[in-house]
Amino acid sequence: METKKTIHRFKIKNLNGSIIDFSDYSGKKILLVNVASECGLTPQYLQLQEIYNEFKDQLVIIGCPANNFGGQEPGTDQEIEKFCSLKYNVSFPLTTKISVKGDDIAELYKFVTKKDLNGLEDSEVSWNFQKYLFNEQGELTHIFSPQTEPADEQILSAAGISL
């Protein structure tokens, strides 16, 4: 019997070309969020950063810029990094721009959206700022809609934190 695969097996480049190794976050919960700079939900960066500032020892937030919805992330990695830094003071890890659905879906998002890979459920990323929560062992435990704000009690409770 195959053991449940975890997010800890993935490595992906960040916006400046360094490697984000998900195994580095073993022992911490991970909130994976596909993000975009020109979306009505973009102000969620504020809550994501607030939670990261307060709880980064327990909960790592990793943003995945994606241009899959309405062309709302048109920028280059450098433009995305500048926008996030200047407008929202983002310091949590951001991956290189990837695809979160469709024919060119990134391996990371194949994993998070396919039950036979993640062990929880099949899902489809419905819009920017969909959230996937992983436990300390790297197993997917919860999926939250884009409209569920990062500081929503459902997410905080599932992550075992409170603001």
N, C-alpha and C. Protein backbone atom coordinates (compact mmCIF):
# COMPACT_ATOMS: atom_id res chain seq x y z
N MET A 1 0.84 -1.19 0.00
CA MET A 1 0.00 0.00 0.00
C MET A 1 0.88 1.25 0.00
N GLU A 2 0.56 2.17 -0.85
CA GLU A 2 1.34 3.40 -0.96
C GLU A 2 1.00 4.33 0.20
N THR A 3 2.03 4.89 0.81
CA THR A 3 1.77 5.83 1.89
C THR A 3 1.30 7.16 1.32
N LYS A 4 0.58 7.87 2.13
CA LYS A 4 0.04 9.16 1.70
C LYS A 4 1.18 10.12 1.36
N LYS A 5 1.10 10.71 0.20
CA LYS A 5 2.12 11.68 -0.20
C LYS A 5 1.88 12.99 0.53
N THR A 6 2.96 13.69 0.78
CA THR A 6 2.84 14.97 1.48
C THR A 6 3.42 16.09 0.63
N ILE A 7 3.07 17.29 1.01
CA ILE A 7 3.58 18.47 0.32
C ILE A 7 5.09 18.62 0.55
N HIS A 8 5.61 17.95 1.57
CA HIS A 8 7.03 18.07 1.90
C HIS A 8 7.95 17.54 0.81
N ARG A 9 7.42 16.83 -0.17
CA ARG A 9 8.28 16.31 -1.23
C ARG A 9 8.54 17.34 -2.33
N PHE A 10 7.86 18.48 -2.26
CA PHE A 10 7.97 19.47 -3.34
C PHE A 10 9.04 20.51 -3.07
N LYS A 11 9.64 20.94 -4.17
CA LYS A 11 10.56 22.08 -4.19
C LYS A 11 10.13 22.93 -5.37
N ILE A 12 10.17 24.25 -5.18
CA ILE A 12 9.76 25.16 -6.25
C ILE A 12 10.56 26.45 -6.10
N LYS A 13 10.83 27.10 -7.21
CA LYS A 13 11.56 28.37 -7.13
C LYS A 13 10.67 29.46 -6.55
N ASN A 14 11.33 30.40 -5.83
CA ASN A 14 10.60 31.58 -5.37
C ASN A 14 10.78 32.69 -6.40
N LEU A 15 10.26 33.87 -6.09
CA LEU A 15 10.27 34.96 -7.07
C LEU A 15 11.66 35.41 -7.49
N ASN A 16 12.66 35.21 -6.62
CA ASN A 16 14.00 35.64 -7.00
C ASN A 16 14.90 34.48 -7.43
N GLY A 17 14.31 33.30 -7.63
CA GLY A 17 15.06 32.18 -8.18
C GLY A 17 15.63 31.21 -7.17
N SER A 18 15.56 31.53 -5.88
CA SER A 18 15.99 30.58 -4.85
C SER A 18 14.95 29.47 -4.74
N ILE A 19 15.31 28.41 -4.06
CA ILE A 19 14.42 27.25 -3.94
C ILE A 19 13.64 27.29 -2.63
N ILE A 20 12.33 27.09 -2.73
CA ILE A 20 11.50 26.84 -1.56
C ILE A 20 11.39 25.33 -1.45
N ASP A 21 11.92 24.78 -0.37
CA ASP A 21 11.87 23.34 -0.13
C ASP A 21 10.83 23.10 0.96
N PHE A 22 9.70 22.52 0.57
CA PHE A 22 8.60 22.35 1.51
C PHE A 22 8.98 21.46 2.69
N SER A 23 9.99 20.60 2.53
CA SER A 23 10.41 19.76 3.66
C SER A 23 11.02 20.61 4.78
N ASP A 24 11.46 21.81 4.46
CA ASP A 24 11.99 22.73 5.49
C ASP A 24 10.90 23.11 6.49
N TYR A 25 9.64 22.92 6.12
CA TYR A 25 8.52 23.33 6.98
C TYR A 25 7.90 22.15 7.73
N SER A 26 8.59 21.02 7.74
CA SER A 26 8.12 19.88 8.51
C SER A 26 7.99 20.31 9.97
N GLY A 27 6.87 19.95 10.60
CA GLY A 27 6.63 20.36 11.98
C GLY A 27 5.83 21.64 12.10
N LYS A 28 5.56 22.29 10.97
CA LYS A 28 4.72 23.49 10.95
C LYS A 28 3.55 23.24 10.01
N LYS A 29 2.45 23.91 10.27
CA LYS A 29 1.34 23.88 9.33
C LYS A 29 1.68 24.81 8.16
N ILE A 30 1.11 24.52 7.01
CA ILE A 30 1.34 25.33 5.81
C ILE A 30 0.00 25.74 5.24
N LEU A 31 -0.14 27.04 4.96
CA LEU A 31 -1.31 27.55 4.24
C LEU A 31 -0.83 27.97 2.86
N LEU A 32 -1.26 27.21 1.85
CA LEU A 32 -0.88 27.47 0.47
C LEU A 32 -2.00 28.26 -0.19
N VAL A 33 -1.65 29.40 -0.80
CA VAL A 33 -2.66 30.30 -1.37
C VAL A 33 -2.21 30.73 -2.76
N ASN A 34 -3.09 30.56 -3.76
CA ASN A 34 -2.77 31.11 -5.08
C ASN A 34 -3.17 32.59 -5.06
N VAL A 35 -2.24 33.44 -5.42
CA VAL A 35 -2.42 34.89 -5.27
C VAL A 35 -2.35 35.61 -6.61
N ALA A 36 -2.88 36.84 -6.63
CA ALA A 36 -2.85 37.68 -7.83
C ALA A 36 -2.86 39.15 -7.42
N SER A 37 -2.18 39.97 -8.18
CA SER A 37 -2.00 41.38 -7.84
C SER A 37 -3.15 42.29 -8.25
N GLU A 38 -3.97 41.86 -9.21
CA GLU A 38 -5.01 42.74 -9.74
C GLU A 38 -6.41 42.15 -9.56
N CYS A 39 -6.62 41.52 -8.43
CA CYS A 39 -7.89 40.84 -8.13
C CYS A 39 -8.64 41.62 -7.05
N GLY A 40 -9.95 41.53 -7.06
CA GLY A 40 -10.73 42.15 -5.99
C GLY A 40 -10.39 41.58 -4.61
N LEU A 41 -9.82 40.39 -4.58
CA LEU A 41 -9.45 39.76 -3.31
C LEU A 41 -8.00 40.05 -2.90
N THR A 42 -7.27 40.79 -3.72
CA THR A 42 -5.86 41.08 -3.43
C THR A 42 -5.63 41.67 -2.04
N PRO A 43 -6.55 42.50 -1.48
CA PRO A 43 -6.32 42.99 -0.12
C PRO A 43 -6.19 41.89 0.95
N GLN A 44 -6.50 40.64 0.60
CA GLN A 44 -6.27 39.54 1.54
C GLN A 44 -4.79 39.41 1.90
N TYR A 45 -3.91 39.96 1.08
CA TYR A 45 -2.48 39.98 1.41
C TYR A 45 -2.27 40.58 2.81
N LEU A 46 -3.06 41.58 3.19
CA LEU A 46 -2.89 42.22 4.50
C LEU A 46 -3.08 41.22 5.63
N GLN A 47 -4.18 40.45 5.59
CA GLN A 47 -4.43 39.46 6.64
C GLN A 47 -3.42 38.32 6.58
N LEU A 48 -3.07 37.89 5.38
CA LEU A 48 -2.06 36.83 5.25
C LEU A 48 -0.76 37.26 5.92
N GLN A 49 -0.34 38.50 5.67
CA GLN A 49 0.90 38.99 6.26
C GLN A 49 0.78 39.13 7.78
N GLU A 50 -0.36 39.61 8.25
CA GLU A 50 -0.59 39.74 9.69
C GLU A 50 -0.49 38.38 10.39
N ILE A 51 -1.13 37.38 9.80
CA ILE A 51 -1.08 36.03 10.38
C ILE A 51 0.35 35.49 10.33
N TYR A 52 1.02 35.71 9.21
CA TYR A 52 2.40 35.24 9.08
C TYR A 52 3.30 35.91 10.13
N ASN A 53 3.16 37.22 10.30
CA ASN A 53 3.98 37.93 11.28
C ASN A 53 3.82 37.34 12.67
N GLU A 54 2.58 37.04 13.03
CA GLU A 54 2.26 36.59 14.38
C GLU A 54 2.56 35.11 14.62
N PHE A 55 2.37 34.28 13.59
CA PHE A 55 2.38 32.83 13.83
C PHE A 55 3.36 32.05 12.95
N LYS A 56 4.35 32.71 12.34
CA LYS A 56 5.22 32.01 11.39
C LYS A 56 5.99 30.84 12.01
N ASP A 57 6.09 30.81 13.34
CA ASP A 57 6.74 29.66 13.98
C ASP A 57 5.85 28.42 13.97
N GLN A 58 4.53 28.62 13.78
CA GLN A 58 3.58 27.51 13.77
C GLN A 58 2.96 27.29 12.39
N LEU A 59 2.74 28.39 11.67
CA LEU A 59 2.01 28.34 10.41
C LEU A 59 2.78 29.13 9.35
N VAL A 60 3.20 28.43 8.31
CA VAL A 60 3.90 29.09 7.21
C VAL A 60 2.88 29.38 6.12
N ILE A 61 2.90 30.58 5.61
CA ILE A 61 2.05 30.94 4.48
C ILE A 61 2.93 30.97 3.25
N ILE A 62 2.47 30.30 2.20
CA ILE A 62 3.21 30.31 0.94
C ILE A 62 2.24 30.75 -0.16
N GLY A 63 2.58 31.86 -0.81
CA GLY A 63 1.77 32.38 -1.89
C GLY A 63 2.28 31.88 -3.23
N CYS A 64 1.36 31.55 -4.10
CA CYS A 64 1.69 31.07 -5.44
C CYS A 64 1.05 31.99 -6.47
N PRO A 65 1.78 32.99 -6.95
CA PRO A 65 1.22 33.87 -7.98
C PRO A 65 0.79 33.07 -9.21
N ALA A 66 -0.42 33.35 -9.68
CA ALA A 66 -0.96 32.62 -10.83
C ALA A 66 -1.82 33.56 -11.66
N ASN A 67 -1.76 33.38 -12.96
CA ASN A 67 -2.49 34.23 -13.90
C ASN A 67 -3.63 33.46 -14.57
N ASN A 68 -4.25 32.54 -13.83
CA ASN A 68 -5.27 31.67 -14.40
C ASN A 68 -6.67 32.29 -14.46
N PHE A 69 -6.88 33.39 -13.78
CA PHE A 69 -8.23 33.93 -13.66
C PHE A 69 -8.26 35.39 -14.11
N GLY A 70 -8.84 35.62 -15.27
CA GLY A 70 -9.05 36.97 -15.76
C GLY A 70 -7.79 37.78 -15.99
N GLY A 71 -6.66 37.13 -16.18
CA GLY A 71 -5.41 37.87 -16.42
C GLY A 71 -5.05 38.79 -15.26
N GLN A 72 -5.36 38.37 -14.03
CA GLN A 72 -5.19 39.25 -12.87
C GLN A 72 -3.80 39.18 -12.24
N GLU A 73 -2.91 38.39 -12.84
CA GLU A 73 -1.50 38.39 -12.40
C GLU A 73 -0.62 38.43 -13.64
N PRO A 74 -0.63 39.59 -14.35
CA PRO A 74 0.10 39.67 -15.62
C PRO A 74 1.59 39.91 -15.46
N GLY A 75 2.04 40.29 -14.28
CA GLY A 75 3.42 40.73 -14.10
C GLY A 75 4.46 39.63 -14.17
N THR A 76 5.71 40.05 -14.30
CA THR A 76 6.85 39.15 -14.21
C THR A 76 7.10 38.85 -12.73
N ASP A 77 7.95 37.88 -12.44
CA ASP A 77 8.28 37.57 -11.05
C ASP A 77 8.80 38.82 -10.33
N GLN A 78 9.64 39.59 -11.03
CA GLN A 78 10.22 40.79 -10.41
C GLN A 78 9.13 41.84 -10.13
N GLU A 79 8.20 42.00 -11.06
CA GLU A 79 7.11 42.97 -10.86
C GLU A 79 6.19 42.53 -9.72
N ILE A 80 5.93 41.24 -9.63
CA ILE A 80 5.09 40.71 -8.56
C ILE A 80 5.77 40.95 -7.20
N GLU A 81 7.06 40.65 -7.13
CA GLU A 81 7.79 40.83 -5.88
C GLU A 81 7.78 42.31 -5.45
N LYS A 82 8.00 43.20 -6.39
CA LYS A 82 7.99 44.63 -6.08
C LYS A 82 6.61 45.08 -5.59
N PHE A 83 5.56 44.68 -6.29
CA PHE A 83 4.19 45.02 -5.91
C PHE A 83 3.89 44.53 -4.49
N CYS A 84 4.16 43.26 -4.23
CA CYS A 84 3.83 42.67 -2.92
C CYS A 84 4.63 43.33 -1.80
N SER A 85 5.87 43.64 -2.08
CA SER A 85 6.72 44.27 -1.07
C SER A 85 6.29 45.71 -0.79
N LEU A 86 6.09 46.49 -1.84
CA LEU A 86 5.75 47.91 -1.66
C LEU A 86 4.32 48.13 -1.17
N LYS A 87 3.37 47.41 -1.74
CA LYS A 87 1.96 47.66 -1.42
C LYS A 87 1.51 46.96 -0.14
N TYR A 88 2.01 45.74 0.10
CA TYR A 88 1.52 44.95 1.24
C TYR A 88 2.61 44.49 2.20
N ASN A 89 3.86 44.90 1.96
CA ASN A 89 4.96 44.54 2.84
C ASN A 89 5.05 43.03 3.07
N VAL A 90 4.80 42.26 2.02
CA VAL A 90 4.79 40.80 2.11
C VAL A 90 6.19 40.27 2.40
N SER A 91 6.29 39.44 3.43
CA SER A 91 7.57 38.80 3.73
C SER A 91 7.45 37.28 3.75
N PHE A 92 6.22 36.74 3.60
CA PHE A 92 6.10 35.29 3.53
C PHE A 92 6.55 34.82 2.15
N PRO A 93 6.94 33.55 2.03
CA PRO A 93 7.46 33.06 0.75
C PRO A 93 6.43 33.14 -0.38
N LEU A 94 6.90 33.57 -1.54
CA LEU A 94 6.10 33.60 -2.77
C LEU A 94 6.84 32.79 -3.83
N THR A 95 6.13 31.85 -4.45
CA THR A 95 6.76 31.04 -5.49
C THR A 95 6.85 31.84 -6.78
N THR A 96 7.62 31.33 -7.70
CA THR A 96 7.61 31.87 -9.05
C THR A 96 6.18 31.74 -9.59
N LYS A 97 5.83 32.55 -10.56
CA LYS A 97 4.47 32.49 -11.12
C LYS A 97 4.25 31.11 -11.74
N ILE A 98 3.12 30.49 -11.37
CA ILE A 98 2.80 29.15 -11.84
C ILE A 98 1.37 29.10 -12.35
N SER A 99 0.98 27.96 -12.90
CA SER A 99 -0.40 27.72 -13.29
C SER A 99 -1.04 26.79 -12.26
N VAL A 100 -2.25 27.14 -11.82
CA VAL A 100 -2.93 26.35 -10.79
C VAL A 100 -4.09 25.52 -11.34
N LYS A 101 -4.29 25.57 -12.66
CA LYS A 101 -5.31 24.74 -13.30
C LYS A 101 -5.04 24.68 -14.79
N GLY A 102 -5.74 23.77 -15.48
CA GLY A 102 -5.60 23.69 -16.92
C GLY A 102 -4.50 22.74 -17.37
N ASP A 103 -4.23 22.77 -18.66
CA ASP A 103 -3.26 21.84 -19.26
C ASP A 103 -1.84 22.04 -18.74
N ASP A 104 -1.52 23.26 -18.33
CA ASP A 104 -0.16 23.56 -17.87
C ASP A 104 -0.07 23.65 -16.34
N ILE A 105 -1.00 23.00 -15.63
CA ILE A 105 -1.02 23.05 -14.17
C ILE A 105 0.33 22.58 -13.61
N ALA A 106 0.82 23.30 -12.60
CA ALA A 106 2.08 22.96 -11.95
C ALA A 106 1.93 21.65 -11.17
N GLU A 107 3.01 20.90 -11.05
CA GLU A 107 2.98 19.63 -10.31
C GLU A 107 2.46 19.83 -8.89
N LEU A 108 2.84 20.93 -8.25
CA LEU A 108 2.38 21.22 -6.90
C LEU A 108 0.86 21.28 -6.84
N TYR A 109 0.26 21.91 -7.83
CA TYR A 109 -1.20 22.03 -7.83
C TYR A 109 -1.91 20.78 -8.36
N LYS A 110 -1.22 19.95 -9.13
CA LYS A 110 -1.78 18.63 -9.44
C LYS A 110 -1.96 17.89 -8.13
N PHE A 111 -0.95 17.96 -7.28
CA PHE A 111 -0.97 17.29 -5.98
C PHE A 111 -2.12 17.81 -5.11
N VAL A 112 -2.24 19.13 -4.97
CA VAL A 112 -3.24 19.66 -4.03
C VAL A 112 -4.67 19.50 -4.53
N THR A 113 -4.86 19.28 -5.83
CA THR A 113 -6.22 19.20 -6.36
C THR A 113 -6.68 17.78 -6.70
N LYS A 114 -5.85 16.77 -6.54
CA LYS A 114 -6.21 15.39 -6.90
C LYS A 114 -6.20 14.49 -5.66
N LYS A 115 -7.36 13.94 -5.33
CA LYS A 115 -7.49 13.09 -4.15
C LYS A 115 -6.53 11.90 -4.18
N ASP A 116 -6.33 11.30 -5.35
CA ASP A 116 -5.43 10.14 -5.38
C ASP A 116 -3.99 10.52 -5.09
N LEU A 117 -3.68 11.81 -5.13
CA LEU A 117 -2.34 12.28 -4.77
C LEU A 117 -2.28 12.86 -3.36
N ASN A 118 -3.33 13.64 -2.98
CA ASN A 118 -3.28 14.34 -1.68
C ASN A 118 -3.96 13.58 -0.55
N GLY A 119 -4.77 12.57 -0.89
CA GLY A 119 -5.40 11.75 0.14
C GLY A 119 -6.62 12.36 0.81
N LEU A 120 -7.01 13.59 0.49
CA LEU A 120 -8.15 14.22 1.14
C LEU A 120 -9.35 14.28 0.20
N GLU A 121 -9.23 15.09 -0.86
CA GLU A 121 -10.34 15.22 -1.80
C GLU A 121 -9.88 15.85 -3.09
N ASP A 122 -10.69 15.60 -4.13
CA ASP A 122 -10.49 16.29 -5.40
C ASP A 122 -11.03 17.71 -5.23
N SER A 123 -10.36 18.66 -5.84
CA SER A 123 -10.86 20.03 -5.82
C SER A 123 -10.39 20.72 -7.10
N GLU A 124 -10.99 21.84 -7.36
CA GLU A 124 -10.54 22.66 -8.47
C GLU A 124 -10.34 24.06 -7.91
N VAL A 125 -9.25 24.68 -8.27
CA VAL A 125 -9.04 26.06 -7.84
C VAL A 125 -10.07 26.90 -8.58
N SER A 126 -10.97 27.54 -7.82
CA SER A 126 -12.08 28.25 -8.44
C SER A 126 -11.77 29.71 -8.74
N TRP A 127 -10.81 30.29 -8.04
CA TRP A 127 -10.45 31.69 -8.25
C TRP A 127 -9.17 31.99 -7.49
N ASN A 128 -8.67 33.21 -7.62
CA ASN A 128 -7.50 33.64 -6.86
C ASN A 128 -7.81 33.58 -5.36
N PHE A 129 -6.79 33.30 -4.58
CA PHE A 129 -6.85 33.28 -3.12
C PHE A 129 -7.61 32.09 -2.54
N GLN A 130 -7.65 30.96 -3.28
CA GLN A 130 -8.13 29.71 -2.68
C GLN A 130 -7.04 29.23 -1.73
N LYS A 131 -7.46 28.62 -0.61
CA LYS A 131 -6.50 28.28 0.43
C LYS A 131 -6.52 26.78 0.73
N TYR A 132 -5.32 26.21 0.84
CA TYR A 132 -5.13 24.80 1.16
C TYR A 132 -4.29 24.73 2.44
N LEU A 133 -4.83 24.05 3.47
CA LEU A 133 -4.13 23.94 4.75
C LEU A 133 -3.57 22.54 4.91
N PHE A 134 -2.30 22.48 5.29
CA PHE A 134 -1.59 21.22 5.51
C PHE A 134 -1.17 21.15 6.98
N ASN A 135 -1.20 19.94 7.54
CA ASN A 135 -0.78 19.76 8.93
C ASN A 135 0.74 19.69 9.04
N GLU A 136 1.22 19.49 10.25
CA GLU A 136 2.66 19.48 10.51
C GLU A 136 3.40 18.36 9.77
N GLN A 137 2.66 17.31 9.39
CA GLN A 137 3.26 16.21 8.64
C GLN A 137 3.19 16.43 7.13
N GLY A 138 2.62 17.56 6.71
CA GLY A 138 2.55 17.88 5.29
C GLY A 138 1.34 17.29 4.58
N GLU A 139 0.35 16.85 5.37
CA GLU A 139 -0.86 16.25 4.78
C GLU A 139 -1.94 17.32 4.64
N LEU A 140 -2.63 17.30 3.51
CA LEU A 140 -3.72 18.24 3.26
C LEU A 140 -4.87 17.93 4.22
N THR A 141 -5.34 18.96 4.94
CA THR A 141 -6.41 18.75 5.92
C THR A 141 -7.66 19.57 5.61
N HIS A 142 -7.52 20.73 4.97
CA HIS A 142 -8.67 21.61 4.73
C HIS A 142 -8.48 22.38 3.43
N ILE A 143 -9.61 22.69 2.80
CA ILE A 143 -9.62 23.55 1.61
C ILE A 143 -10.63 24.67 1.89
N PHE A 144 -10.21 25.91 1.66
CA PHE A 144 -11.07 27.06 1.91
C PHE A 144 -11.26 27.86 0.63
N SER A 145 -12.47 28.36 0.45
CA SER A 145 -12.79 29.10 -0.77
C SER A 145 -12.03 30.42 -0.82
N PRO A 146 -11.89 30.97 -2.03
CA PRO A 146 -11.22 32.27 -2.17
C PRO A 146 -11.86 33.36 -1.33
N GLN A 147 -13.18 33.32 -1.17
CA GLN A 147 -13.88 34.38 -0.43
C GLN A 147 -13.70 34.27 1.09
N THR A 148 -13.24 33.11 1.57
CA THR A 148 -12.98 32.96 3.01
C THR A 148 -11.71 33.73 3.34
N GLU A 149 -11.86 34.77 4.14
CA GLU A 149 -10.71 35.62 4.45
C GLU A 149 -9.71 34.86 5.31
N PRO A 150 -8.43 35.19 5.17
CA PRO A 150 -7.39 34.46 5.92
C PRO A 150 -7.60 34.45 7.43
N ALA A 151 -8.15 35.54 7.99
CA ALA A 151 -8.35 35.61 9.44
C ALA A 151 -9.72 35.08 9.87
N ASP A 152 -10.44 34.44 8.95
CA ASP A 152 -11.74 33.85 9.28
C ASP A 152 -11.55 32.77 10.36
N GLU A 153 -12.50 32.68 11.26
CA GLU A 153 -12.41 31.73 12.37
C GLU A 153 -12.25 30.29 11.89
N GLN A 154 -12.87 29.94 10.75
CA GLN A 154 -12.72 28.58 10.21
C GLN A 154 -11.26 28.24 9.95
N ILE A 155 -10.55 29.17 9.34
CA ILE A 155 -9.14 28.93 9.00
C ILE A 155 -8.29 28.95 10.26
N LEU A 156 -8.49 29.96 11.11
CA LEU A 156 -7.68 30.06 12.33
C LEU A 156 -7.88 28.83 13.21
N SER A 157 -9.12 28.40 13.36
CA SER A 157 -9.41 27.23 14.18
C SER A 157 -8.75 25.98 13.61
N ALA A 158 -8.88 25.78 12.30
CA ALA A 158 -8.27 24.62 11.65
C ALA A 158 -6.75 24.64 11.78
N ALA A 159 -6.18 25.84 11.80
CA ALA A 159 -4.73 26.00 11.92
C ALA A 159 -4.27 25.97 13.38
N GLY A 160 -5.24 25.99 14.30
CA GLY A 160 -4.91 25.95 15.72
C GLY A 160 -4.35 27.24 16.26
N ILE A 161 -4.79 28.37 15.70
CA ILE A 161 -4.32 29.68 16.16
C ILE A 161 -5.49 30.61 16.37
N SER A 162 -5.27 31.69 17.11
CA SER A 162 -6.30 32.71 17.26
C SER A 162 -5.61 34.06 17.32
N LEU A 163 -6.21 35.03 16.65
CA LEU A 163 -5.64 36.38 16.61
C LEU A 163 -6.02 37.16 17.87
